[in-house]
Every structure is written in structure tokens, then in C-alpha cells.
């Protein structure tokens, strides 16, 4: 989880208590027509598939996974998006 073995538990507790959170930045192609709002939330259901911690699939009946997205830069052939997972699902 972390570079230092002794930091794993304190970091895990901070995530569980929502004192810290993960943020991802991605560069991607915009959807056709570039008609994406500046902020949006994606909510889906993830189910464990196979070995724990290895893979998940989107499927009804799974655990709710929610991620908030914010468009940082919007270009004609690319866009930069910030993603903030709101739930702590594996491979969210």
C-alpha cells in the first residue's frame, strides 16, 4: 500500500476516516460532440470476480462505486479530467 511498511496502518485509518482521499488525473479523448459537463458523477455497481483484490466487473447487485469527475482542460482532440473516488472500492 505504501513505500514504508510502518505507514500502512496509519494511511489505511486516514482513508477510512476520510481524512485523506485519492485524486487521479487522466488525459483522454473527449466524447463525440464534446458534450460533457464540467463536473459529473459516475455511479455503478462492482462485483468481485475471481481472486480477491485481482479483478472486478460492473454488474447489478454489486457494491456501489461512485466517482466524481471534473474537466480540467478541454481541447478539440483531448481533455484532462480529475477523478475523485467517493467510495473505496478495489479497482474503482
N, C-alpha and C. Protein backbone atom coordinates (compact mmCIF):
# COMPACT_ATOMS: atom_id res chain seq x y z
N UNK A 1 0.82 -1.19 0.00
CA UNK A 1 0.00 0.00 0.00
C UNK A 1 0.86 1.26 0.00
N UNK A 2 1.87 1.30 0.86
CA UNK A 2 2.77 2.45 0.91
C UNK A 2 4.21 1.98 0.76
N UNK A 3 5.12 2.92 0.59
CA UNK A 3 6.54 2.58 0.45
C UNK A 3 7.06 2.02 1.77
N UNK A 4 6.61 2.59 2.87
CA UNK A 4 7.04 2.16 4.20
C UNK A 4 6.00 1.23 4.83
N UNK A 5 6.42 0.06 5.25
CA UNK A 5 5.52 -0.92 5.88
C UNK A 5 4.86 -0.35 7.14
N UNK A 6 5.58 0.46 7.89
CA UNK A 6 5.03 1.00 9.14
C UNK A 6 3.97 2.08 8.90
N UNK A 7 3.87 2.60 7.68
CA UNK A 7 2.88 3.63 7.37
C UNK A 7 1.56 3.06 6.86
N UNK A 8 1.52 1.76 6.57
CA UNK A 8 0.30 1.16 6.00
C UNK A 8 -0.92 1.36 6.89
N UNK A 9 -0.82 1.03 8.17
CA UNK A 9 -1.98 1.13 9.06
C UNK A 9 -2.42 2.58 9.24
N UNK A 10 -1.50 3.54 9.55
CA UNK A 10 -1.96 4.93 9.68
C UNK A 10 -2.62 5.47 8.41
N UNK A 11 -2.08 5.14 7.24
CA UNK A 11 -2.69 5.58 5.98
C UNK A 11 -4.07 4.96 5.80
N UNK A 12 -4.18 3.67 6.09
CA UNK A 12 -5.46 2.98 5.95
C UNK A 12 -6.51 3.63 6.87
N UNK A 13 -6.12 3.95 8.09
CA UNK A 13 -7.06 4.59 9.02
C UNK A 13 -7.47 5.98 8.54
N UNK A 14 -6.53 6.73 7.97
CA UNK A 14 -6.86 8.06 7.47
C UNK A 14 -7.85 7.98 6.31
N UNK A 15 -7.68 6.99 5.42
CA UNK A 15 -8.64 6.81 4.33
C UNK A 15 -10.01 6.42 4.88
N UNK A 16 -10.03 5.49 5.83
CA UNK A 16 -11.30 5.04 6.40
C UNK A 16 -12.03 6.17 7.12
N UNK A 17 -11.29 7.05 7.76
CA UNK A 17 -11.89 8.17 8.49
C UNK A 17 -12.06 9.40 7.60
N UNK A 18 -11.78 9.25 6.32
CA UNK A 18 -11.93 10.31 5.32
C UNK A 18 -11.14 11.58 5.65
N UNK A 19 -9.95 11.36 6.22
CA UNK A 19 -9.05 12.49 6.49
C UNK A 19 -8.19 12.79 5.28
N UNK A 20 -7.99 11.79 4.42
CA UNK A 20 -7.28 11.97 3.16
C UNK A 20 -8.08 11.26 2.07
N UNK A 21 -7.81 11.62 0.82
CA UNK A 21 -8.50 10.96 -0.29
C UNK A 21 -7.60 10.93 -1.51
N UNK A 22 -7.90 10.01 -2.40
CA UNK A 22 -7.14 9.85 -3.64
C UNK A 22 -7.73 10.75 -4.71
N UNK A 23 -6.84 11.27 -5.57
CA UNK A 23 -7.26 12.03 -6.73
C UNK A 23 -6.41 11.56 -7.91
N UNK A 24 -7.06 11.31 -9.03
CA UNK A 24 -6.37 10.86 -10.24
C UNK A 24 -6.54 11.92 -11.32
N UNK A 25 -5.54 12.04 -12.18
CA UNK A 25 -5.62 12.93 -13.33
C UNK A 25 -5.42 12.08 -14.58
N UNK A 26 -6.31 12.27 -15.56
CA UNK A 26 -6.24 11.48 -16.79
C UNK A 26 -6.35 12.38 -18.01
N UNK A 27 -5.63 12.03 -19.06
CA UNK A 27 -5.76 12.69 -20.35
C UNK A 27 -6.45 11.70 -21.26
N UNK A 28 -7.54 12.14 -21.90
CA UNK A 28 -8.35 11.22 -22.70
C UNK A 28 -8.95 11.94 -23.90
N UNK A 29 -9.54 11.19 -24.78
CA UNK A 29 -10.27 11.78 -25.91
C UNK A 29 -11.64 12.22 -25.41
N UNK A 30 -12.11 13.38 -25.85
CA UNK A 30 -13.46 13.81 -25.45
C UNK A 30 -14.51 12.96 -26.15
N UNK A 31 -15.70 12.85 -25.56
CA UNK A 31 -16.77 12.11 -26.24
C UNK A 31 -17.17 12.85 -27.51
N UNK A 32 -17.79 12.15 -28.42
CA UNK A 32 -18.22 12.75 -29.69
C UNK A 32 -19.10 13.97 -29.41
N UNK A 33 -18.77 15.07 -30.04
CA UNK A 33 -19.52 16.30 -29.83
C UNK A 33 -19.03 17.10 -28.63
N UNK A 34 -18.12 16.51 -27.84
CA UNK A 34 -17.53 17.17 -26.67
C UNK A 34 -18.61 17.68 -25.71
N UNK A 35 -19.76 17.02 -25.66
CA UNK A 35 -20.90 17.46 -24.85
C UNK A 35 -20.87 16.83 -23.46
N UNK A 36 -19.82 17.09 -22.75
CA UNK A 36 -19.67 16.56 -21.40
C UNK A 36 -19.70 17.73 -20.43
N UNK A 37 -20.48 17.65 -19.34
CA UNK A 37 -20.50 18.76 -18.39
C UNK A 37 -19.13 18.91 -17.71
N UNK A 38 -18.87 20.07 -17.14
CA UNK A 38 -17.58 20.30 -16.47
C UNK A 38 -17.41 19.44 -15.23
N UNK A 39 -18.51 19.09 -14.57
CA UNK A 39 -18.48 18.19 -13.42
C UNK A 39 -19.60 17.16 -13.56
N UNK A 40 -19.28 15.91 -13.22
CA UNK A 40 -20.29 14.86 -13.28
C UNK A 40 -19.87 13.72 -12.37
N UNK A 41 -20.82 12.87 -12.02
CA UNK A 41 -20.58 11.73 -11.14
C UNK A 41 -20.96 10.46 -11.88
N UNK A 42 -20.11 9.45 -11.79
CA UNK A 42 -20.41 8.14 -12.35
C UNK A 42 -20.64 7.20 -11.17
N UNK A 43 -21.80 6.54 -11.19
CA UNK A 43 -22.17 5.60 -10.13
C UNK A 43 -22.47 4.27 -10.78
N UNK A 44 -21.82 3.21 -10.29
CA UNK A 44 -22.03 1.88 -10.84
C UNK A 44 -21.92 0.86 -9.72
N UNK A 45 -22.07 -0.39 -10.06
CA UNK A 45 -22.02 -1.47 -9.08
C UNK A 45 -20.92 -2.44 -9.47
N UNK A 46 -19.99 -2.70 -8.54
CA UNK A 46 -18.86 -3.58 -8.81
C UNK A 46 -18.99 -4.88 -8.04
N UNK A 47 -18.70 -5.98 -8.72
CA UNK A 47 -18.75 -7.31 -8.12
C UNK A 47 -17.36 -7.93 -8.22
N UNK A 48 -16.91 -8.55 -7.11
CA UNK A 48 -15.63 -9.25 -7.11
C UNK A 48 -15.68 -10.39 -8.11
N UNK A 49 -14.65 -10.51 -8.92
CA UNK A 49 -14.59 -11.56 -9.94
C UNK A 49 -13.27 -12.32 -9.74
N UNK A 50 -13.38 -13.60 -9.47
CA UNK A 50 -12.17 -14.41 -9.28
C UNK A 50 -11.52 -14.15 -7.94
N UNK A 51 -10.20 -14.12 -7.96
CA UNK A 51 -9.39 -13.98 -6.74
C UNK A 51 -9.57 -12.59 -6.12
N UNK A 52 -9.77 -12.50 -4.79
CA UNK A 52 -9.96 -11.20 -4.14
C UNK A 52 -8.81 -10.23 -4.42
N UNK A 53 -9.17 -8.98 -4.73
CA UNK A 53 -8.18 -7.96 -4.99
C UNK A 53 -7.60 -7.97 -6.39
N UNK A 54 -8.01 -8.92 -7.22
CA UNK A 54 -7.42 -9.05 -8.56
C UNK A 54 -8.29 -8.45 -9.65
N UNK A 55 -9.60 -8.64 -9.60
CA UNK A 55 -10.46 -8.15 -10.68
C UNK A 55 -11.87 -7.92 -10.17
N UNK A 56 -12.54 -6.96 -10.79
CA UNK A 56 -13.94 -6.70 -10.51
C UNK A 56 -14.65 -6.51 -11.83
N UNK A 57 -15.98 -6.64 -11.81
CA UNK A 57 -16.76 -6.37 -13.01
C UNK A 57 -17.96 -5.51 -12.62
N UNK A 58 -18.43 -4.74 -13.58
CA UNK A 58 -19.61 -3.91 -13.37
C UNK A 58 -20.82 -4.81 -13.53
N UNK A 59 -21.66 -4.86 -12.48
CA UNK A 59 -22.79 -5.78 -12.51
C UNK A 59 -23.80 -5.36 -11.44
N UNK A 60 -25.07 -5.42 -11.76
CA UNK A 60 -26.08 -5.09 -10.76
C UNK A 60 -25.98 -6.08 -9.61
N UNK A 61 -26.31 -5.61 -8.43
CA UNK A 61 -26.22 -6.46 -7.24
C UNK A 61 -24.89 -6.36 -6.54
N UNK A 62 -23.94 -5.63 -7.13
CA UNK A 62 -22.64 -5.46 -6.50
C UNK A 62 -22.63 -4.29 -5.54
N UNK A 63 -21.45 -3.95 -5.05
CA UNK A 63 -21.30 -2.82 -4.14
C UNK A 63 -21.24 -1.53 -4.94
N UNK A 64 -21.86 -0.49 -4.40
CA UNK A 64 -21.90 0.80 -5.09
C UNK A 64 -20.50 1.39 -5.17
N UNK A 65 -20.13 1.87 -6.35
CA UNK A 65 -18.87 2.58 -6.57
C UNK A 65 -19.23 3.91 -7.21
N UNK A 66 -18.75 4.99 -6.61
CA UNK A 66 -19.09 6.33 -7.10
C UNK A 66 -17.82 7.15 -7.25
N UNK A 67 -17.67 7.80 -8.40
CA UNK A 67 -16.50 8.65 -8.68
C UNK A 67 -16.97 9.98 -9.23
N UNK A 68 -16.41 11.06 -8.69
CA UNK A 68 -16.71 12.41 -9.17
C UNK A 68 -15.62 12.81 -10.17
N UNK A 69 -16.04 13.38 -11.30
CA UNK A 69 -15.11 13.83 -12.34
C UNK A 69 -15.24 15.33 -12.53
N UNK A 70 -14.12 15.96 -12.82
CA UNK A 70 -14.08 17.39 -13.11
C UNK A 70 -13.19 17.60 -14.33
N UNK A 71 -13.72 18.23 -15.37
CA UNK A 71 -12.93 18.51 -16.56
C UNK A 71 -12.01 19.69 -16.25
N UNK A 72 -10.70 19.46 -16.36
CA UNK A 72 -9.70 20.48 -16.04
C UNK A 72 -9.34 21.28 -17.29
N UNK A 73 -9.08 20.57 -18.39
CA UNK A 73 -8.74 21.19 -19.68
C UNK A 73 -9.57 20.53 -20.75
N UNK A 74 -10.15 21.33 -21.62
CA UNK A 74 -10.98 20.80 -22.70
C UNK A 74 -10.38 21.25 -24.03
N UNK A 75 -9.89 20.30 -24.82
CA UNK A 75 -9.36 20.60 -26.14
C UNK A 75 -10.23 19.97 -27.21
N UNK A 76 -9.90 20.21 -28.47
CA UNK A 76 -10.71 19.64 -29.55
C UNK A 76 -10.46 18.14 -29.72
N UNK A 77 -9.24 17.68 -29.43
CA UNK A 77 -8.95 16.26 -29.60
C UNK A 77 -8.43 15.60 -28.32
N UNK A 78 -8.45 16.30 -27.20
CA UNK A 78 -8.08 15.71 -25.92
C UNK A 78 -8.77 16.48 -24.79
N UNK A 79 -8.81 15.87 -23.63
CA UNK A 79 -9.27 16.58 -22.44
C UNK A 79 -8.55 16.01 -21.23
N UNK A 80 -8.34 16.86 -20.24
CA UNK A 80 -7.74 16.44 -18.99
C UNK A 80 -8.84 16.42 -17.93
N UNK A 81 -8.93 15.31 -17.23
CA UNK A 81 -10.01 15.11 -16.26
C UNK A 81 -9.41 14.72 -14.91
N UNK A 82 -9.95 15.29 -13.85
CA UNK A 82 -9.59 14.90 -12.49
C UNK A 82 -10.68 13.97 -11.97
N UNK A 83 -10.29 12.83 -11.41
CA UNK A 83 -11.24 11.86 -10.88
C UNK A 83 -11.01 11.68 -9.39
N UNK A 84 -12.11 11.76 -8.62
CA UNK A 84 -12.04 11.60 -7.17
C UNK A 84 -13.00 10.49 -6.74
N UNK A 85 -12.47 9.29 -6.44
CA UNK A 85 -13.34 8.22 -5.97
C UNK A 85 -14.02 8.63 -4.66
N UNK A 86 -15.32 8.45 -4.59
CA UNK A 86 -16.06 8.77 -3.36
C UNK A 86 -16.25 7.55 -2.48
N UNK A 87 -16.11 6.37 -3.07
CA UNK A 87 -16.17 5.12 -2.31
C UNK A 87 -14.83 4.43 -2.48
N UNK A 88 -14.48 3.58 -1.58
CA UNK A 88 -13.16 2.96 -1.60
C UNK A 88 -13.16 1.54 -2.15
N UNK A 89 -13.74 1.34 -3.30
CA UNK A 89 -13.80 0.00 -3.89
C UNK A 89 -12.50 -0.35 -4.60
N UNK A 90 -12.16 -1.65 -4.53
CA UNK A 90 -10.99 -2.15 -5.24
C UNK A 90 -11.16 -1.96 -6.74
N UNK A 91 -10.17 -1.41 -7.40
CA UNK A 91 -10.17 -1.18 -8.85
C UNK A 91 -11.27 -0.23 -9.31
N UNK A 92 -11.71 0.64 -8.42
CA UNK A 92 -12.74 1.59 -8.79
C UNK A 92 -12.21 2.53 -9.85
